[in-house]
Amino acid sequence: MQATAQSAALHDAVSASLTFQYLILGFLGLGLVIGVAALGVISARSVVERRQQIGVLRAIGFQARMVQMSFLVESLIVTLVSVVVGSVLGLWVAFNVVQDSAGQPGYENLALVPPWSALAVILGVVVVCSVLATWLPSVRASRVYPATALRYE
């Protein structure tokens, strides 16, 4: 006879599943970082492409702070819509996977219990990082002088 500890046997049985879960979480984090960086690049490009429109706004009386806030609000709206749609779709897919798995023998008591607090923290960090990523392009947009922006090049 050979005795084995229940905790060691359980750890061995679950270790492959945990490794796969950590790999998926790593891909999730990488995707969020790339998404935030892409939003920063899009904002920087938007400032360059809308130089004349920014000049017109400044010429009709928009102050630098108003131009800056308009770019920040625009990126915040894009971020919030993306976060809400992505979260709802992710939870919907997870719910369907759990419901399908619950129909299998041995998994009748399986239920989806999302970690709401962790999800809120992650999404909050993503929103803050996206605003920070678009901060410099919005400052650059606010410093566009109307006379130089309205010159045709």
N, C-alpha and C. Protein backbone atom coordinates (compact mmCIF):
# COMPACT_ATOMS: atom_id res chain seq x y z
N MET A 1 0.81 -1.18 0.00
CA MET A 1 0.00 0.00 0.00
C MET A 1 0.87 1.25 0.00
N GLN A 2 0.34 2.24 -0.68
CA GLN A 2 1.05 3.53 -0.69
C GLN A 2 0.02 4.62 -0.44
N ALA A 3 0.31 5.48 0.52
CA ALA A 3 -0.62 6.56 0.88
C ALA A 3 -0.22 7.83 0.14
N THR A 4 -1.22 8.53 -0.35
CA THR A 4 -0.98 9.84 -0.98
C THR A 4 -1.90 10.85 -0.32
N ALA A 5 -1.38 12.05 -0.21
CA ALA A 5 -2.17 13.13 0.39
C ALA A 5 -3.23 13.58 -0.59
N GLN A 6 -4.41 13.85 -0.09
CA GLN A 6 -5.51 14.32 -0.93
C GLN A 6 -5.16 15.65 -1.60
N SER A 7 -4.50 16.53 -0.87
CA SER A 7 -4.17 17.85 -1.43
C SER A 7 -3.17 17.72 -2.57
N ALA A 8 -2.20 16.81 -2.46
CA ALA A 8 -1.22 16.62 -3.54
C ALA A 8 -1.90 16.02 -4.77
N ALA A 9 -2.78 15.08 -4.57
CA ALA A 9 -3.49 14.47 -5.70
C ALA A 9 -4.39 15.49 -6.39
N LEU A 10 -5.04 16.32 -5.60
CA LEU A 10 -5.89 17.36 -6.17
C LEU A 10 -5.06 18.39 -6.92
N HIS A 11 -3.92 18.76 -6.36
CA HIS A 11 -3.05 19.74 -7.01
C HIS A 11 -2.56 19.20 -8.36
N ASP A 12 -2.18 17.93 -8.40
CA ASP A 12 -1.74 17.33 -9.66
C ASP A 12 -2.85 17.29 -10.69
N ALA A 13 -4.05 17.02 -10.24
CA ALA A 13 -5.19 16.91 -11.16
C ALA A 13 -5.60 18.27 -11.73
N VAL A 14 -5.41 19.32 -10.95
CA VAL A 14 -5.89 20.64 -11.35
C VAL A 14 -4.78 21.50 -11.98
N SER A 15 -3.53 21.11 -11.86
CA SER A 15 -2.42 21.96 -12.30
C SER A 15 -2.47 22.26 -13.80
N ALA A 16 -2.81 21.31 -14.63
CA ALA A 16 -2.88 21.57 -16.08
C ALA A 16 -3.98 22.57 -16.39
N SER A 17 -5.10 22.45 -15.71
CA SER A 17 -6.20 23.38 -15.92
C SER A 17 -5.82 24.79 -15.48
N LEU A 18 -5.11 24.89 -14.35
CA LEU A 18 -4.68 26.21 -13.89
C LEU A 18 -3.67 26.84 -14.82
N THR A 19 -2.77 26.04 -15.37
CA THR A 19 -1.79 26.55 -16.33
C THR A 19 -2.49 27.12 -17.56
N PHE A 20 -3.48 26.41 -18.06
CA PHE A 20 -4.26 26.90 -19.20
C PHE A 20 -4.99 28.19 -18.85
N GLN A 21 -5.54 28.25 -17.65
CA GLN A 21 -6.26 29.45 -17.21
C GLN A 21 -5.31 30.65 -17.12
N TYR A 22 -4.11 30.45 -16.59
CA TYR A 22 -3.13 31.55 -16.49
C TYR A 22 -2.68 32.00 -17.88
N LEU A 23 -2.57 31.06 -18.81
CA LEU A 23 -2.22 31.42 -20.18
C LEU A 23 -3.31 32.29 -20.81
N ILE A 24 -4.55 31.93 -20.61
CA ILE A 24 -5.66 32.71 -21.15
C ILE A 24 -5.69 34.10 -20.50
N LEU A 25 -5.46 34.17 -19.19
CA LEU A 25 -5.42 35.47 -18.52
C LEU A 25 -4.29 36.34 -19.04
N GLY A 26 -3.16 35.73 -19.36
CA GLY A 26 -2.05 36.48 -19.95
C GLY A 26 -2.42 37.07 -21.31
N PHE A 27 -3.10 36.27 -22.13
CA PHE A 27 -3.56 36.77 -23.43
C PHE A 27 -4.58 37.89 -23.26
N LEU A 28 -5.43 37.77 -22.26
CA LEU A 28 -6.40 38.83 -21.97
C LEU A 28 -5.70 40.13 -21.61
N GLY A 29 -4.71 40.04 -20.73
CA GLY A 29 -3.95 41.24 -20.35
C GLY A 29 -3.22 41.84 -21.52
N LEU A 30 -2.62 41.01 -22.36
CA LEU A 30 -1.92 41.51 -23.54
C LEU A 30 -2.88 42.20 -24.50
N GLY A 31 -4.05 41.63 -24.66
CA GLY A 31 -5.07 42.26 -25.52
C GLY A 31 -5.51 43.60 -25.00
N LEU A 32 -5.67 43.73 -23.69
CA LEU A 32 -6.06 45.02 -23.11
C LEU A 32 -4.96 46.06 -23.30
N VAL A 33 -3.70 45.66 -23.11
CA VAL A 33 -2.58 46.60 -23.31
C VAL A 33 -2.53 47.06 -24.76
N ILE A 34 -2.68 46.13 -25.68
CA ILE A 34 -2.65 46.49 -27.11
C ILE A 34 -3.83 47.39 -27.46
N GLY A 35 -5.00 47.11 -26.89
CA GLY A 35 -6.16 47.96 -27.16
C GLY A 35 -5.97 49.38 -26.67
N VAL A 36 -5.40 49.55 -25.48
CA VAL A 36 -5.16 50.88 -24.95
C VAL A 36 -4.11 51.60 -25.79
N ALA A 37 -3.05 50.90 -26.19
CA ALA A 37 -2.03 51.51 -27.03
C ALA A 37 -2.61 51.92 -28.39
N ALA A 38 -3.48 51.09 -28.94
CA ALA A 38 -4.11 51.42 -30.22
C ALA A 38 -4.97 52.66 -30.10
N LEU A 39 -5.67 52.81 -28.99
CA LEU A 39 -6.48 54.01 -28.78
C LEU A 39 -5.60 55.26 -28.71
N GLY A 40 -4.45 55.15 -28.07
CA GLY A 40 -3.51 56.27 -28.03
C GLY A 40 -2.99 56.64 -29.41
N VAL A 41 -2.68 55.64 -30.22
CA VAL A 41 -2.21 55.89 -31.58
C VAL A 41 -3.31 56.52 -32.43
N ILE A 42 -4.53 56.02 -32.28
CA ILE A 42 -5.65 56.58 -33.04
C ILE A 42 -5.88 58.03 -32.64
N SER A 43 -5.76 58.34 -31.36
CA SER A 43 -5.94 59.72 -30.91
C SER A 43 -4.86 60.62 -31.47
N ALA A 44 -3.62 60.16 -31.47
CA ALA A 44 -2.52 60.96 -32.03
C ALA A 44 -2.73 61.22 -33.51
N ARG A 45 -3.17 60.20 -34.22
CA ARG A 45 -3.45 60.37 -35.65
C ARG A 45 -4.62 61.31 -35.89
N SER A 46 -5.60 61.21 -35.04
CA SER A 46 -6.78 62.07 -35.16
C SER A 46 -6.41 63.54 -35.03
N VAL A 47 -5.50 63.84 -34.13
CA VAL A 47 -5.06 65.23 -33.96
C VAL A 47 -4.38 65.73 -35.22
N VAL A 48 -3.53 64.89 -35.81
CA VAL A 48 -2.82 65.30 -37.03
C VAL A 48 -3.80 65.46 -38.19
N GLU A 49 -4.74 64.53 -38.33
CA GLU A 49 -5.66 64.57 -39.46
C GLU A 49 -6.71 65.67 -39.34
N ARG A 50 -7.04 66.06 -38.13
CA ARG A 50 -8.07 67.09 -37.93
C ARG A 50 -7.48 68.46 -37.60
N ARG A 51 -6.30 68.70 -38.03
CA ARG A 51 -5.62 69.96 -37.72
C ARG A 51 -6.42 71.17 -38.18
N GLN A 52 -6.95 71.12 -39.38
CA GLN A 52 -7.73 72.26 -39.88
C GLN A 52 -9.03 72.42 -39.11
N GLN A 53 -9.70 71.34 -38.77
CA GLN A 53 -10.93 71.44 -37.99
C GLN A 53 -10.65 72.03 -36.61
N ILE A 54 -9.53 71.64 -36.02
CA ILE A 54 -9.15 72.20 -34.72
C ILE A 54 -8.89 73.69 -34.87
N GLY A 55 -8.23 74.08 -35.98
CA GLY A 55 -7.98 75.50 -36.23
C GLY A 55 -9.27 76.29 -36.38
N VAL A 56 -10.25 75.71 -37.06
CA VAL A 56 -11.54 76.39 -37.21
C VAL A 56 -12.21 76.55 -35.84
N LEU A 57 -12.20 75.49 -35.04
CA LEU A 57 -12.79 75.59 -33.71
C LEU A 57 -12.11 76.67 -32.88
N ARG A 58 -10.80 76.72 -32.95
CA ARG A 58 -10.07 77.74 -32.19
C ARG A 58 -10.37 79.14 -32.73
N ALA A 59 -10.53 79.24 -34.06
CA ALA A 59 -10.80 80.54 -34.68
C ALA A 59 -12.18 81.07 -34.32
N ILE A 60 -13.16 80.18 -34.11
CA ILE A 60 -14.51 80.66 -33.78
C ILE A 60 -14.72 80.83 -32.28
N GLY A 61 -13.66 80.61 -31.51
CA GLY A 61 -13.76 80.93 -30.10
C GLY A 61 -13.59 79.80 -29.12
N PHE A 62 -13.37 78.60 -29.59
CA PHE A 62 -13.10 77.50 -28.66
C PHE A 62 -11.78 77.76 -27.97
N GLN A 63 -11.76 77.56 -26.68
CA GLN A 63 -10.52 77.74 -25.95
C GLN A 63 -9.73 76.43 -25.96
N ALA A 64 -8.46 76.53 -25.63
CA ALA A 64 -7.59 75.36 -25.68
C ALA A 64 -8.12 74.23 -24.80
N ARG A 65 -8.61 74.58 -23.65
CA ARG A 65 -9.13 73.58 -22.72
C ARG A 65 -10.36 72.87 -23.30
N MET A 66 -11.19 73.58 -24.03
CA MET A 66 -12.38 72.98 -24.63
C MET A 66 -12.00 71.97 -25.72
N VAL A 67 -10.99 72.31 -26.52
CA VAL A 67 -10.52 71.39 -27.56
C VAL A 67 -9.93 70.14 -26.91
N GLN A 68 -9.16 70.34 -25.87
CA GLN A 68 -8.55 69.22 -25.16
C GLN A 68 -9.62 68.31 -24.57
N MET A 69 -10.61 68.89 -23.94
CA MET A 69 -11.67 68.09 -23.34
C MET A 69 -12.50 67.35 -24.39
N SER A 70 -12.68 67.96 -25.56
CA SER A 70 -13.45 67.28 -26.60
C SER A 70 -12.75 66.01 -27.07
N PHE A 71 -11.42 66.04 -27.19
CA PHE A 71 -10.68 64.84 -27.57
C PHE A 71 -10.72 63.79 -26.45
N LEU A 72 -10.60 64.24 -25.21
CA LEU A 72 -10.66 63.30 -24.09
C LEU A 72 -12.04 62.65 -23.97
N VAL A 73 -13.09 63.44 -24.15
CA VAL A 73 -14.45 62.89 -24.07
C VAL A 73 -14.70 61.91 -25.21
N GLU A 74 -14.20 62.25 -26.40
CA GLU A 74 -14.35 61.34 -27.53
C GLU A 74 -13.69 59.99 -27.25
N SER A 75 -12.48 60.00 -26.74
CA SER A 75 -11.80 58.74 -26.45
C SER A 75 -12.45 58.01 -25.28
N LEU A 76 -12.98 58.76 -24.32
CA LEU A 76 -13.67 58.13 -23.20
C LEU A 76 -14.94 57.43 -23.65
N ILE A 77 -15.66 58.03 -24.57
CA ILE A 77 -16.88 57.40 -25.10
C ILE A 77 -16.53 56.12 -25.85
N VAL A 78 -15.48 56.17 -26.68
CA VAL A 78 -15.05 54.98 -27.40
C VAL A 78 -14.65 53.88 -26.42
N THR A 79 -13.92 54.25 -25.38
CA THR A 79 -13.48 53.27 -24.38
C THR A 79 -14.65 52.67 -23.64
N LEU A 80 -15.58 53.50 -23.19
CA LEU A 80 -16.72 53.00 -22.42
C LEU A 80 -17.60 52.08 -23.25
N VAL A 81 -17.84 52.45 -24.50
CA VAL A 81 -18.65 51.58 -25.37
C VAL A 81 -17.93 50.25 -25.59
N SER A 82 -16.63 50.30 -25.81
CA SER A 82 -15.86 49.08 -26.03
C SER A 82 -15.86 48.19 -24.79
N VAL A 83 -15.69 48.80 -23.62
CA VAL A 83 -15.66 48.04 -22.38
C VAL A 83 -17.02 47.39 -22.11
N VAL A 84 -18.08 48.12 -22.31
CA VAL A 84 -19.41 47.58 -22.04
C VAL A 84 -19.75 46.46 -23.03
N VAL A 85 -19.53 46.70 -24.32
CA VAL A 85 -19.85 45.68 -25.32
C VAL A 85 -18.98 44.44 -25.13
N GLY A 86 -17.68 44.63 -24.90
CA GLY A 86 -16.79 43.49 -24.69
C GLY A 86 -17.15 42.69 -23.45
N SER A 87 -17.50 43.38 -22.37
CA SER A 87 -17.87 42.69 -21.14
C SER A 87 -19.17 41.92 -21.29
N VAL A 88 -20.15 42.54 -21.91
CA VAL A 88 -21.44 41.86 -22.09
C VAL A 88 -21.28 40.64 -22.99
N LEU A 89 -20.53 40.78 -24.08
CA LEU A 89 -20.33 39.63 -24.98
C LEU A 89 -19.53 38.53 -24.29
N GLY A 90 -18.51 38.90 -23.53
CA GLY A 90 -17.71 37.91 -22.81
C GLY A 90 -18.53 37.16 -21.78
N LEU A 91 -19.36 37.88 -21.03
CA LEU A 91 -20.22 37.22 -20.04
C LEU A 91 -21.27 36.34 -20.70
N TRP A 92 -21.76 36.78 -21.84
CA TRP A 92 -22.76 35.98 -22.57
C TRP A 92 -22.15 34.67 -23.06
N VAL A 93 -20.93 34.74 -23.63
CA VAL A 93 -20.26 33.52 -24.09
C VAL A 93 -19.96 32.60 -22.90
N ALA A 94 -19.48 33.18 -21.79
CA ALA A 94 -19.20 32.37 -20.61
C ALA A 94 -20.46 31.71 -20.09
N PHE A 95 -21.56 32.43 -20.08
CA PHE A 95 -22.83 31.86 -19.62
C PHE A 95 -23.24 30.69 -20.51
N ASN A 96 -23.11 30.86 -21.82
CA ASN A 96 -23.49 29.78 -22.74
C ASN A 96 -22.59 28.56 -22.58
N VAL A 97 -21.29 28.79 -22.36
CA VAL A 97 -20.37 27.66 -22.16
C VAL A 97 -20.73 26.92 -20.88
N VAL A 98 -21.02 27.66 -19.82
CA VAL A 98 -21.37 27.02 -18.55
C VAL A 98 -22.69 26.27 -18.68
N GLN A 99 -23.66 26.86 -19.35
CA GLN A 99 -24.95 26.17 -19.53
C GLN A 99 -24.79 24.89 -20.35
N ASP A 100 -23.94 24.94 -21.36
CA ASP A 100 -23.71 23.75 -22.17
C ASP A 100 -22.99 22.67 -21.36
N SER A 101 -22.02 23.10 -20.56
CA SER A 101 -21.28 22.15 -19.73
C SER A 101 -22.15 21.58 -18.62
N ALA A 102 -23.09 22.35 -18.11
CA ALA A 102 -23.98 21.87 -17.05
C ALA A 102 -24.90 20.76 -17.54
N GLY A 103 -25.08 20.66 -18.82
CA GLY A 103 -25.91 19.60 -19.38
C GLY A 103 -25.19 18.27 -19.47
N GLN A 104 -23.87 18.26 -19.27
CA GLN A 104 -23.09 17.03 -19.33
C GLN A 104 -23.20 16.25 -18.02
N PRO A 105 -23.11 14.96 -18.09
CA PRO A 105 -23.18 14.16 -16.86
C PRO A 105 -22.02 14.49 -15.90
N GLY A 106 -22.36 14.67 -14.66
CA GLY A 106 -21.35 14.97 -13.65
C GLY A 106 -21.16 16.46 -13.39
N TYR A 107 -21.74 17.31 -14.23
CA TYR A 107 -21.58 18.75 -14.08
C TYR A 107 -22.92 19.44 -13.85
N GLU A 108 -23.87 18.77 -13.30
CA GLU A 108 -25.21 19.31 -13.14
C GLU A 108 -25.25 20.55 -12.24
N ASN A 109 -24.36 20.64 -11.27
CA ASN A 109 -24.36 21.76 -10.32
C ASN A 109 -23.44 22.90 -10.74
N LEU A 110 -22.94 22.87 -11.96
CA LEU A 110 -22.04 23.92 -12.44
C LEU A 110 -22.81 25.22 -12.65
N ALA A 111 -22.25 26.33 -12.16
CA ALA A 111 -22.92 27.63 -12.30
C ALA A 111 -21.87 28.69 -12.59
N LEU A 112 -22.27 29.71 -13.30
CA LEU A 112 -21.39 30.84 -13.59
C LEU A 112 -21.47 31.84 -12.44
N VAL A 113 -20.33 32.13 -11.86
CA VAL A 113 -20.24 33.12 -10.78
C VAL A 113 -19.11 34.09 -11.15
N PRO A 114 -19.43 35.16 -11.88
CA PRO A 114 -18.39 36.09 -12.28
C PRO A 114 -17.79 36.82 -11.08
N PRO A 115 -16.49 37.06 -11.10
CA PRO A 115 -15.86 37.83 -10.02
C PRO A 115 -16.09 39.33 -10.26
N TRP A 116 -17.23 39.84 -9.82
CA TRP A 116 -17.64 41.20 -10.15
C TRP A 116 -16.64 42.26 -9.69
N SER A 117 -16.09 42.10 -8.49
CA SER A 117 -15.16 43.12 -7.98
C SER A 117 -13.88 43.14 -8.80
N ALA A 118 -13.34 41.98 -9.14
CA ALA A 118 -12.13 41.94 -9.97
C ALA A 118 -12.41 42.48 -11.37
N LEU A 119 -13.57 42.15 -11.89
CA LEU A 119 -13.95 42.65 -13.22
C LEU A 119 -14.07 44.17 -13.21
N ALA A 120 -14.67 44.72 -12.16
CA ALA A 120 -14.80 46.18 -12.06
C ALA A 120 -13.44 46.86 -11.94
N VAL A 121 -12.53 46.25 -11.17
CA VAL A 121 -11.19 46.84 -11.02
C VAL A 121 -10.45 46.82 -12.36
N ILE A 122 -10.50 45.70 -13.05
CA ILE A 122 -9.81 45.59 -14.35
C ILE A 122 -10.37 46.59 -15.35
N LEU A 123 -11.68 46.69 -15.43
CA LEU A 123 -12.29 47.61 -16.39
C LEU A 123 -12.02 49.06 -16.00
N GLY A 124 -12.00 49.36 -14.71
CA GLY A 124 -11.66 50.70 -14.25
C GLY A 124 -10.24 51.08 -14.61
N VAL A 125 -9.31 50.14 -14.44
CA VAL A 125 -7.91 50.39 -14.80
C VAL A 125 -7.78 50.62 -16.30
N VAL A 126 -8.53 49.85 -17.09
CA VAL A 126 -8.48 50.02 -18.55
C VAL A 126 -8.99 51.40 -18.95
N VAL A 127 -10.07 51.85 -18.34
CA VAL A 127 -10.62 53.18 -18.66
C VAL A 127 -9.62 54.27 -18.28
N VAL A 128 -9.04 54.17 -17.11
CA VAL A 128 -8.06 55.18 -16.66
C VAL A 128 -6.83 55.18 -17.57
N CYS A 129 -6.34 53.98 -17.93
CA CYS A 129 -5.18 53.91 -18.82
C CYS A 129 -5.48 54.46 -20.21
N SER A 130 -6.68 54.25 -20.70
CA SER A 130 -7.02 54.78 -22.02
C SER A 130 -7.11 56.29 -22.00
N VAL A 131 -7.62 56.86 -20.91
CA VAL A 131 -7.65 58.32 -20.79
C VAL A 131 -6.23 58.87 -20.70
N LEU A 132 -5.37 58.19 -19.96
CA LEU A 132 -3.97 58.62 -19.88
C LEU A 132 -3.26 58.50 -21.22
N ALA A 133 -3.61 57.46 -22.00
CA ALA A 133 -2.99 57.28 -23.31
C ALA A 133 -3.41 58.37 -24.30
N THR A 134 -4.58 58.92 -24.11
CA THR A 134 -5.04 59.97 -25.02
C THR A 134 -4.80 61.37 -24.46
N TRP A 135 -4.20 61.45 -23.29
CA TRP A 135 -3.95 62.77 -22.67
C TRP A 135 -2.96 63.59 -23.51
N LEU A 136 -1.83 63.02 -23.90
CA LEU A 136 -0.84 63.78 -24.66
C LEU A 136 -1.36 64.24 -26.02
N PRO A 137 -2.02 63.37 -26.80
CA PRO A 137 -2.59 63.87 -28.06
C PRO A 137 -3.62 64.99 -27.85
N SER A 138 -4.39 64.93 -26.77
CA SER A 138 -5.37 65.99 -26.54
C SER A 138 -4.68 67.30 -26.14
N VAL A 139 -3.60 67.21 -25.40
CA VAL A 139 -2.83 68.42 -25.07
C VAL A 139 -2.23 69.00 -26.35
N ARG A 140 -1.74 68.13 -27.21
CA ARG A 140 -1.18 68.60 -28.49
C ARG A 140 -2.25 69.28 -29.34
N ALA A 141 -3.46 68.73 -29.32
CA ALA A 141 -4.55 69.35 -30.08
C ALA A 141 -4.91 70.70 -29.51
N SER A 142 -4.83 70.86 -28.21
CA SER A 142 -5.20 72.13 -27.60
C SER A 142 -4.18 73.23 -27.89
N ARG A 143 -2.98 72.86 -28.29
CA ARG A 143 -1.92 73.84 -28.55
C ARG A 143 -1.82 74.24 -30.02
N VAL A 144 -2.76 73.81 -30.83
CA VAL A 144 -2.75 74.18 -32.24
C VAL A 144 -3.20 75.63 -32.36
N TYR A 145 -2.40 76.43 -33.04
CA TYR A 145 -2.75 77.83 -33.26
C TYR A 145 -3.65 77.95 -34.48
N PRO A 146 -4.70 78.75 -34.40
CA PRO A 146 -5.65 78.85 -35.51
C PRO A 146 -5.01 79.32 -36.81
N ALA A 147 -4.14 80.28 -36.74
CA ALA A 147 -3.56 80.84 -37.97
C ALA A 147 -2.72 79.80 -38.71
N THR A 148 -1.92 79.04 -37.98
CA THR A 148 -1.08 78.04 -38.66
C THR A 148 -1.90 76.83 -39.11
N ALA A 149 -2.95 76.50 -38.38
CA ALA A 149 -3.76 75.34 -38.75
C ALA A 149 -4.63 75.60 -39.97
N LEU A 150 -5.01 76.85 -40.16
CA LEU A 150 -5.91 77.17 -41.28
C LEU A 150 -5.18 77.42 -42.58
N ARG A 151 -3.87 77.52 -42.54
CA ARG A 151 -3.12 77.66 -43.78
C ARG A 151 -3.24 76.38 -44.57
N TYR A 152 -3.47 76.52 -45.86
CA TYR A 152 -3.61 75.34 -46.71
C TYR A 152 -2.23 74.84 -47.09
N GLU A 153 -1.98 73.57 -46.86
CA GLU A 153 -0.68 73.00 -47.21
C GLU A 153 -0.82 71.95 -48.26
